[in-house]
Amino acid sequence: MKKLVFFAAVVLLSMCNLSGGLRAQAQSKDEQAIRTLETKFAMAFVAKNVDEIMKFYAPGDQLLVFDLITPRQYAGWDAYKKDWQDTFALMKGTPEFDTKDLGVTTDGKLAWSHSIQHASWTGTDGTPFEMTVRVTDCYKKIDGKWLIVLEHVSVPLDLSGPKPVPDLMSKP
């Protein structure tokens, strides 16, 4: 009887260990898929390829974005695509873009990431422009593919100086 109990305990522990290992492996694949998405996003930004960028976002009304610029929010895929078109129309030549400190967390169905993103470019009027922002993305696995469903872009605010843009208080 003792041998049977011992054998059952060994089998149970082995199964638990295997299950945890498979879960970690799946999580690793999900994390890598999101890191790949972020790398492809950076390449699409440098190419100013709006259609490629929008492949990383959830379609239709599933998408909500709090961008750095007004309006207060972009509700839906079409609205955010227009934002990217307008942004790239202000750029001359090829912009530079990089992502630092990318952290990714996932449970296999939902995920989120945070990063510091830096971009620089020349405006159509010849003025150089540079910005560094904090980005938090929330992803959902849709049809087996990770897509951004919520994005929040921000910069620290010096409370002794600038005031919020009035449009941030308005409804979208």
Protein backbone atom coordinates (compact mmCIF):
# COMPACT_ATOMS: atom_id res chain seq x y z
CA MET A 1 0.00 0.00 0.00
CA LYS A 2 2.83 2.41 0.88
CA LYS A 3 4.39 1.77 -2.53
CA LEU A 4 1.08 2.54 -4.26
CA VAL A 5 0.65 5.82 -2.34
CA PHE A 6 4.26 6.76 -3.08
CA PHE A 7 3.81 5.94 -6.79
CA ALA A 8 0.56 7.97 -6.95
CA ALA A 9 2.29 10.93 -5.27
CA VAL A 10 5.19 10.80 -7.75
CA VAL A 11 2.78 10.64 -10.71
CA LEU A 12 0.71 13.54 -9.32
CA LEU A 13 3.79 15.71 -8.73
CA SER A 14 5.10 14.91 -12.20
CA MET A 15 1.78 15.89 -13.76
CA CYS A 16 1.72 19.16 -11.82
CA ASN A 17 5.27 19.93 -12.89
CA LEU A 18 4.48 19.11 -16.53
CA SER A 19 1.32 21.22 -16.44
CA GLY A 20 3.21 24.20 -15.02
CA GLY A 21 5.94 23.80 -17.62
CA LEU A 22 3.43 23.72 -20.47
CA ARG A 23 1.69 26.80 -19.09
CA ALA A 24 5.02 28.65 -18.86
CA GLN A 25 5.93 27.55 -22.39
CA ALA A 26 2.58 28.81 -23.75
CA GLN A 27 3.02 32.06 -21.85
CA SER A 28 6.49 32.37 -23.31
CA LYS A 29 5.10 31.96 -26.84
CA ASP A 30 2.42 34.58 -26.14
CA GLU A 31 4.97 36.99 -24.72
CA GLN A 32 7.22 36.46 -27.73
CA ALA A 33 4.28 37.02 -30.10
CA ILE A 34 3.57 40.38 -28.44
CA ARG A 35 7.24 41.38 -28.52
CA THR A 36 7.26 40.52 -32.24
CA LEU A 37 4.13 42.64 -32.72
CA GLU A 38 5.87 45.59 -31.07
CA THR A 39 8.95 45.13 -33.27
CA LYS A 40 6.79 45.05 -36.40
CA PHE A 41 4.96 48.14 -35.17
CA ALA A 42 8.28 50.00 -34.93
CA MET A 43 9.22 48.96 -38.48
CA ALA A 44 5.81 50.09 -39.78
CA PHE A 45 6.23 53.45 -38.01
CA VAL A 46 9.59 54.05 -39.67
CA ALA A 47 8.05 53.09 -43.03
CA LYS A 48 5.06 55.38 -42.27
CA ASN A 49 2.86 52.44 -43.28
CA VAL A 50 -0.56 53.12 -41.77
CA ASP A 51 -2.12 49.92 -43.14
CA GLU A 52 0.61 47.80 -41.53
CA ILE A 53 0.31 49.67 -38.21
CA MET A 54 -3.44 49.13 -38.11
CA LYS A 55 -2.98 45.34 -38.42
CA PHE A 56 -1.90 45.38 -34.77
CA TYR A 57 -5.14 46.92 -33.49
CA ALA A 58 -8.53 45.29 -32.85
CA PRO A 59 -11.06 45.98 -35.60
CA GLY A 60 -14.21 48.06 -35.31
CA ASP A 61 -15.43 49.47 -32.04
CA GLN A 62 -13.34 47.09 -29.91
CA LEU A 63 -10.48 49.62 -29.94
CA LEU A 64 -10.07 52.54 -27.54
CA VAL A 65 -6.99 54.78 -27.61
CA PHE A 66 -5.94 57.61 -25.33
CA ASP A 67 -3.30 59.28 -27.48
CA LEU A 68 -1.01 62.14 -26.59
CA ILE A 69 -2.84 64.56 -28.86
CA THR A 70 -6.45 65.69 -28.95
CA PRO A 71 -9.19 64.59 -29.02
CA ARG A 72 -9.43 63.06 -25.57
CA GLN A 73 -9.83 59.58 -27.02
CA TYR A 74 -10.15 57.66 -30.26
CA ALA A 75 -13.05 55.23 -30.12
CA GLY A 76 -12.79 52.64 -32.86
CA TRP A 77 -10.38 51.44 -35.50
CA ASP A 78 -11.42 53.94 -38.21
CA ALA A 79 -10.90 56.97 -35.96
CA TYR A 80 -7.44 55.82 -34.94
CA LYS A 81 -6.43 55.01 -38.51
CA LYS A 82 -7.29 58.61 -39.45
CA ASP A 83 -5.07 59.83 -36.59
CA TRP A 84 -2.12 57.88 -38.02
CA GLN A 85 -2.77 59.19 -41.53
CA ASP A 86 -2.85 62.77 -40.23
CA THR A 87 0.31 62.22 -38.15
CA PHE A 88 2.37 60.82 -41.02
CA ALA A 89 1.13 63.61 -43.33
CA LEU A 90 3.03 66.03 -41.06
CA MET A 91 6.35 64.19 -41.54
CA LYS A 92 8.93 64.72 -44.25
CA GLY A 93 11.31 61.87 -44.99
CA THR A 94 11.88 58.82 -42.82
CA PRO A 95 11.27 59.11 -39.08
CA GLU A 96 13.33 57.36 -36.42
CA PHE A 97 11.65 55.20 -33.78
CA ASP A 98 12.74 52.94 -30.96
CA THR A 99 11.22 51.15 -27.99
CA LYS A 100 12.93 50.72 -24.63
CA ASP A 101 12.06 48.86 -21.43
CA LEU A 102 9.31 46.74 -23.00
CA GLY A 103 7.59 44.67 -20.33
CA VAL A 104 4.95 42.09 -21.27
CA THR A 105 2.54 40.16 -19.04
CA THR A 106 0.00 37.64 -20.32
CA ASP A 107 -2.35 34.94 -19.09
CA GLY A 108 -2.97 33.46 -22.53
CA LYS A 109 -6.24 35.32 -23.19
CA LEU A 110 -5.40 38.89 -22.22
CA ALA A 111 -2.08 40.68 -22.00
CA TRP A 112 -0.59 44.08 -21.36
CA SER A 113 2.69 45.78 -22.05
CA HIS A 114 4.43 48.96 -21.03
CA SER A 115 7.32 50.68 -22.74
CA ILE A 116 9.14 53.91 -23.35
CA GLN A 117 8.97 54.94 -27.01
CA HIS A 118 11.09 57.58 -28.69
CA ALA A 119 10.48 59.08 -32.12
CA SER A 120 12.07 61.88 -34.10
CA TRP A 121 11.34 63.31 -37.53
CA THR A 122 11.38 66.43 -39.63
CA GLY A 123 8.10 68.23 -40.16
CA THR A 124 6.91 69.16 -43.64
CA ASP A 125 7.98 72.74 -42.83
CA GLY A 126 11.53 71.56 -42.04
CA THR A 127 11.21 71.82 -38.26
CA PRO A 128 12.82 68.93 -36.36
CA PHE A 129 10.54 67.18 -33.89
CA GLU A 130 11.37 64.73 -31.13
CA MET A 131 9.32 63.07 -28.41
CA THR A 132 9.58 60.36 -25.80
CA VAL A 133 6.37 58.85 -24.43
CA ARG A 134 5.17 56.16 -22.06
CA VAL A 135 2.91 53.60 -23.74
CA THR A 136 0.67 51.03 -22.10
CA ASP A 137 -1.10 48.57 -24.39
CA CYS A 138 -3.74 45.99 -23.51
CA TYR A 139 -4.10 43.05 -25.89
CA LYS A 140 -6.75 40.45 -26.51
CA LYS A 141 -6.26 37.24 -28.42
CA ILE A 142 -8.76 37.46 -31.30
CA ASP A 143 -8.96 34.55 -33.73
CA GLY A 144 -5.63 33.28 -32.40
CA LYS A 145 -3.84 36.62 -32.93
CA TRP A 146 -2.82 39.20 -30.32
CA LEU A 147 -4.34 42.62 -31.06
CA ILE A 148 -4.26 45.89 -29.14
CA VAL A 149 -7.71 46.71 -27.72
CA LEU A 150 -6.66 49.59 -25.45
CA GLU A 151 -3.71 51.94 -25.79
CA HIS A 152 -2.68 54.75 -23.49
CA VAL A 153 0.11 57.15 -24.45
CA SER A 154 1.34 59.68 -21.89
CA VAL A 155 4.14 61.95 -20.76
CA PRO A 156 4.91 63.12 -17.23
CA LEU A 157 3.36 66.49 -16.41
CA ASP A 158 5.13 69.18 -14.42
CA LEU A 159 2.31 70.35 -12.15
CA SER A 160 3.98 73.72 -11.58
CA GLY A 161 3.72 74.59 -15.27
CA PRO A 162 1.49 73.41 -18.10
CA LYS A 163 -2.26 73.09 -17.80
CA PRO A 164 -4.37 70.38 -19.44
CA VAL A 165 -5.62 71.06 -22.93
CA PRO A 166 -9.29 72.17 -22.61
CA ASP A 167 -10.39 69.55 -25.16
CA LEU A 168 -9.36 66.82 -22.73
CA MET A 169 -12.37 67.75 -20.63
CA SER A 170 -14.80 67.42 -23.53
CA LYS A 171 -16.65 64.32 -24.57
CA PRO A 172 -15.47 62.50 -27.70
